[in-house]
Amino acid sequence: VLRDDFRQPPGDVVVAVGEPAVLECVPPRGHPEPSISWKKNGAQLSDKNERLTIRGGKLMLANTRKSDAGAYVCVATNVVGERDSEPAELVVF
């Protein structure tokens, strides 16, 4: 089972260059409990990026750059399938 509704979809975030940014997401309830990943502008984010941490439903960006700006989507996945949240905009000024 994977419900449609995200308990907390990510919200828009505005940060200054060099500041940390945090996007939070609480996935829909599911059985088994869904895992969380993130997409930026439609592309899967890799945790190979040393400035990026995904812990629970939080996406944390350290030392934000202009290039980090964009539309972020929280993806909940389990054996049944996956659901995308509404996109949240990260604005870096």
N, C-alpha and C. Protein backbone atom coordinates (compact mmCIF):
# COMPACT_ATOMS: atom_id res chain seq x y z
N VAL A 1 0.85 -1.19 0.00
CA VAL A 1 0.00 0.00 0.00
C VAL A 1 0.89 1.24 0.00
N LEU A 2 0.51 2.23 -0.79
CA LEU A 2 1.19 3.53 -0.76
C LEU A 2 0.12 4.58 -1.00
N ARG A 3 -0.20 5.34 0.03
CA ARG A 3 -1.26 6.34 -0.10
C ARG A 3 -0.81 7.49 -1.00
N ASP A 4 -1.79 8.27 -1.44
CA ASP A 4 -1.49 9.36 -2.38
C ASP A 4 -0.95 10.61 -1.71
N ASP A 5 -1.41 10.85 -0.50
CA ASP A 5 -1.16 12.16 0.11
C ASP A 5 0.11 12.19 0.94
N PHE A 6 0.96 13.14 0.64
CA PHE A 6 2.15 13.37 1.46
C PHE A 6 1.69 14.00 2.76
N ARG A 7 2.19 13.49 3.89
CA ARG A 7 1.81 14.07 5.18
C ARG A 7 2.35 15.48 5.30
N GLN A 8 3.52 15.74 4.73
CA GLN A 8 4.06 17.10 4.65
C GLN A 8 4.87 17.22 3.36
N PRO A 9 4.29 17.86 2.35
CA PRO A 9 5.08 18.07 1.13
C PRO A 9 6.13 19.15 1.37
N PRO A 10 7.22 19.14 0.61
CA PRO A 10 8.23 20.18 0.81
C PRO A 10 7.69 21.56 0.44
N GLY A 11 8.15 22.58 1.15
CA GLY A 11 7.73 23.95 0.87
C GLY A 11 8.87 24.73 0.24
N ASP A 12 8.52 25.85 -0.37
CA ASP A 12 9.54 26.70 -1.01
C ASP A 12 10.52 27.23 0.03
N VAL A 13 11.79 27.35 -0.37
CA VAL A 13 12.84 27.83 0.53
C VAL A 13 13.63 28.92 -0.19
N VAL A 14 13.94 29.98 0.55
CA VAL A 14 14.76 31.06 0.01
C VAL A 14 15.99 31.20 0.90
N VAL A 15 17.19 31.11 0.32
CA VAL A 15 18.43 31.24 1.10
C VAL A 15 19.42 32.13 0.36
N ALA A 16 20.39 32.63 1.12
CA ALA A 16 21.49 33.39 0.52
C ALA A 16 22.60 32.41 0.15
N VAL A 17 23.39 32.77 -0.86
CA VAL A 17 24.55 31.96 -1.26
C VAL A 17 25.41 31.69 -0.03
N GLY A 18 25.85 30.45 0.13
CA GLY A 18 26.73 30.09 1.25
C GLY A 18 25.98 29.63 2.49
N GLU A 19 24.68 29.91 2.56
CA GLU A 19 23.87 29.46 3.70
C GLU A 19 23.43 28.01 3.48
N PRO A 20 23.14 27.29 4.57
CA PRO A 20 22.57 25.95 4.38
C PRO A 20 21.08 26.06 4.02
N ALA A 21 20.59 25.11 3.26
CA ALA A 21 19.17 25.04 2.92
C ALA A 21 18.62 23.69 3.35
N VAL A 22 17.41 23.68 3.90
CA VAL A 22 16.78 22.42 4.32
C VAL A 22 15.38 22.35 3.71
N LEU A 23 15.12 21.26 2.99
CA LEU A 23 13.78 20.98 2.48
C LEU A 23 13.27 19.78 3.25
N GLU A 24 12.05 19.87 3.77
CA GLU A 24 11.51 18.78 4.57
C GLU A 24 10.33 18.13 3.87
N CYS A 25 10.25 16.82 4.04
CA CYS A 25 9.18 16.07 3.41
C CYS A 25 8.78 14.93 4.34
N VAL A 26 7.49 14.78 4.58
CA VAL A 26 7.00 13.61 5.31
C VAL A 26 6.17 12.81 4.31
N PRO A 27 6.65 11.60 3.96
CA PRO A 27 6.01 10.84 2.88
C PRO A 27 4.62 10.34 3.26
N PRO A 28 3.87 9.86 2.26
CA PRO A 28 2.58 9.25 2.57
C PRO A 28 2.80 8.00 3.42
N ARG A 29 1.77 7.60 4.15
CA ARG A 29 1.87 6.33 4.86
C ARG A 29 1.90 5.21 3.84
N GLY A 30 2.65 4.17 4.14
CA GLY A 30 2.72 3.05 3.21
C GLY A 30 3.08 1.78 3.94
N HIS A 31 2.83 0.68 3.30
CA HIS A 31 3.20 -0.62 3.85
C HIS A 31 3.85 -1.42 2.75
N PRO A 32 5.15 -1.69 2.77
CA PRO A 32 6.10 -1.24 3.79
C PRO A 32 6.30 0.28 3.75
N GLU A 33 6.89 0.81 4.83
CA GLU A 33 7.14 2.25 4.95
C GLU A 33 7.99 2.70 3.75
N PRO A 34 7.57 3.75 3.04
CA PRO A 34 8.32 4.15 1.84
C PRO A 34 9.68 4.77 2.17
N SER A 35 10.61 4.60 1.25
CA SER A 35 11.90 5.28 1.38
C SER A 35 11.80 6.60 0.60
N ILE A 36 12.67 7.54 0.95
CA ILE A 36 12.62 8.88 0.38
C ILE A 36 13.84 9.13 -0.50
N SER A 37 13.59 9.68 -1.66
CA SER A 37 14.69 10.21 -2.46
C SER A 37 14.22 11.57 -2.99
N TRP A 38 15.12 12.28 -3.62
CA TRP A 38 14.79 13.63 -4.10
C TRP A 38 15.19 13.79 -5.55
N LYS A 39 14.43 14.59 -6.26
CA LYS A 39 14.79 14.96 -7.63
C LYS A 39 14.88 16.48 -7.71
N LYS A 40 15.81 16.96 -8.51
CA LYS A 40 15.94 18.40 -8.78
C LYS A 40 15.74 18.60 -10.27
N ASN A 41 14.77 19.44 -10.63
CA ASN A 41 14.45 19.69 -12.04
C ASN A 41 14.29 18.39 -12.82
N GLY A 42 13.67 17.39 -12.17
CA GLY A 42 13.38 16.12 -12.83
C GLY A 42 14.48 15.08 -12.79
N ALA A 43 15.68 15.44 -12.32
CA ALA A 43 16.80 14.49 -12.29
C ALA A 43 17.03 13.99 -10.86
N GLN A 44 17.26 12.69 -10.73
CA GLN A 44 17.52 12.08 -9.43
C GLN A 44 18.76 12.72 -8.78
N LEU A 45 18.64 13.09 -7.51
CA LEU A 45 19.80 13.65 -6.80
C LEU A 45 20.64 12.51 -6.25
N SER A 46 21.93 12.66 -6.36
CA SER A 46 22.86 11.65 -5.85
C SER A 46 23.41 12.09 -4.51
N ASP A 47 23.49 11.16 -3.57
CA ASP A 47 24.09 11.52 -2.27
C ASP A 47 25.61 11.43 -2.33
N LYS A 48 26.14 11.27 -3.55
CA LYS A 48 27.60 11.32 -3.73
C LYS A 48 28.10 12.75 -3.57
N ASN A 49 27.20 13.71 -3.73
CA ASN A 49 27.55 15.13 -3.57
C ASN A 49 27.82 15.39 -2.09
N GLU A 50 29.05 15.83 -1.78
CA GLU A 50 29.44 15.97 -0.36
C GLU A 50 28.71 17.13 0.33
N ARG A 51 28.09 18.05 -0.43
CA ARG A 51 27.34 19.14 0.19
C ARG A 51 25.89 18.76 0.48
N LEU A 52 25.52 17.53 0.10
CA LEU A 52 24.13 17.13 0.16
C LEU A 52 23.94 15.99 1.17
N THR A 53 22.96 16.14 2.05
CA THR A 53 22.65 15.08 3.01
C THR A 53 21.16 14.80 2.94
N ILE A 54 20.81 13.52 2.84
CA ILE A 54 19.40 13.13 2.92
C ILE A 54 19.25 12.28 4.16
N ARG A 55 18.48 12.80 5.13
CA ARG A 55 18.29 12.07 6.37
C ARG A 55 16.81 12.07 6.70
N GLY A 56 16.22 10.88 6.77
CA GLY A 56 14.78 10.81 6.94
C GLY A 56 14.15 11.48 5.73
N GLY A 57 13.24 12.40 5.96
CA GLY A 57 12.63 13.11 4.85
C GLY A 57 13.28 14.45 4.56
N LYS A 58 14.42 14.72 5.23
CA LYS A 58 15.06 16.03 5.06
C LYS A 58 16.14 15.99 4.01
N LEU A 59 16.12 17.00 3.16
CA LEU A 59 17.22 17.21 2.21
C LEU A 59 17.97 18.43 2.70
N MET A 60 19.25 18.24 3.04
CA MET A 60 20.05 19.35 3.57
C MET A 60 21.18 19.67 2.60
N LEU A 61 21.25 20.92 2.23
CA LEU A 61 22.33 21.40 1.36
C LEU A 61 23.22 22.33 2.16
N ALA A 62 24.49 22.00 2.21
CA ALA A 62 25.44 22.86 2.91
C ALA A 62 26.02 23.84 1.89
N ASN A 63 26.36 25.04 2.36
CA ASN A 63 27.10 25.98 1.50
C ASN A 63 26.41 26.14 0.14
N THR A 64 25.16 26.58 0.16
CA THR A 64 24.34 26.67 -1.04
C THR A 64 24.98 27.53 -2.13
N ARG A 65 24.86 27.06 -3.36
CA ARG A 65 25.37 27.80 -4.53
C ARG A 65 24.19 28.22 -5.41
N LYS A 66 24.45 29.20 -6.27
CA LYS A 66 23.43 29.62 -7.24
C LYS A 66 22.91 28.43 -8.04
N SER A 67 23.82 27.51 -8.37
CA SER A 67 23.45 26.36 -9.20
C SER A 67 22.51 25.38 -8.48
N ASP A 68 22.35 25.53 -7.16
CA ASP A 68 21.43 24.65 -6.42
C ASP A 68 19.97 25.07 -6.59
N ALA A 69 19.75 26.29 -7.08
CA ALA A 69 18.38 26.78 -7.25
C ALA A 69 17.63 25.88 -8.23
N GLY A 70 16.34 25.71 -7.99
CA GLY A 70 15.53 24.91 -8.91
C GLY A 70 14.32 24.33 -8.23
N ALA A 71 13.66 23.42 -8.93
CA ALA A 71 12.45 22.78 -8.43
C ALA A 71 12.82 21.41 -7.86
N TYR A 72 12.52 21.21 -6.58
CA TYR A 72 12.84 19.95 -5.90
C TYR A 72 11.57 19.17 -5.63
N VAL A 73 11.63 17.86 -5.89
CA VAL A 73 10.49 16.98 -5.68
C VAL A 73 10.92 15.85 -4.75
N CYS A 74 10.10 15.60 -3.75
CA CYS A 74 10.31 14.49 -2.82
C CYS A 74 9.65 13.25 -3.41
N VAL A 75 10.38 12.14 -3.48
CA VAL A 75 9.86 10.91 -4.07
C VAL A 75 9.78 9.83 -2.99
N ALA A 76 8.57 9.31 -2.78
CA ALA A 76 8.36 8.21 -1.83
C ALA A 76 8.25 6.93 -2.63
N THR A 77 9.05 5.91 -2.26
CA THR A 77 9.08 4.67 -3.02
C THR A 77 8.94 3.47 -2.10
N ASN A 78 8.08 2.53 -2.47
CA ASN A 78 8.08 1.20 -1.84
C ASN A 78 7.76 0.18 -2.93
N VAL A 79 7.55 -1.08 -2.53
CA VAL A 79 7.37 -2.15 -3.53
C VAL A 79 6.16 -1.91 -4.43
N VAL A 80 5.18 -1.15 -3.95
CA VAL A 80 3.97 -0.91 -4.73
C VAL A 80 4.22 0.08 -5.87
N GLY A 81 5.14 1.02 -5.63
CA GLY A 81 5.41 2.02 -6.65
C GLY A 81 6.02 3.26 -6.04
N GLU A 82 5.85 4.39 -6.74
CA GLU A 82 6.38 5.62 -6.19
C GLU A 82 5.42 6.76 -6.39
N ARG A 83 5.54 7.75 -5.51
CA ARG A 83 4.72 8.96 -5.59
C ARG A 83 5.65 10.17 -5.53
N ASP A 84 5.35 11.15 -6.34
CA ASP A 84 6.11 12.41 -6.32
C ASP A 84 5.29 13.47 -5.59
N SER A 85 5.97 14.27 -4.78
CA SER A 85 5.30 15.39 -4.13
C SER A 85 5.12 16.52 -5.15
N GLU A 86 4.39 17.53 -4.75
CA GLU A 86 4.36 18.76 -5.54
C GLU A 86 5.77 19.35 -5.47
N PRO A 87 6.23 20.04 -6.52
CA PRO A 87 7.57 20.61 -6.48
C PRO A 87 7.67 21.78 -5.50
N ALA A 88 8.85 21.90 -4.87
CA ALA A 88 9.16 23.04 -4.01
C ALA A 88 10.29 23.80 -4.70
N GLU A 89 10.21 25.10 -4.64
CA GLU A 89 11.22 25.93 -5.30
C GLU A 89 12.31 26.33 -4.30
N LEU A 90 13.57 26.10 -4.68
CA LEU A 90 14.68 26.60 -3.89
C LEU A 90 15.22 27.83 -4.61
N VAL A 91 15.15 28.97 -3.92
CA VAL A 91 15.64 30.24 -4.49
C VAL A 91 16.92 30.61 -3.78
N VAL A 92 17.99 30.86 -4.53
CA VAL A 92 19.28 31.24 -3.95
C VAL A 92 19.62 32.64 -4.44
N PHE A 93 19.81 33.57 -3.50
CA PHE A 93 20.13 34.94 -3.90
C PHE A 93 21.47 35.39 -3.37
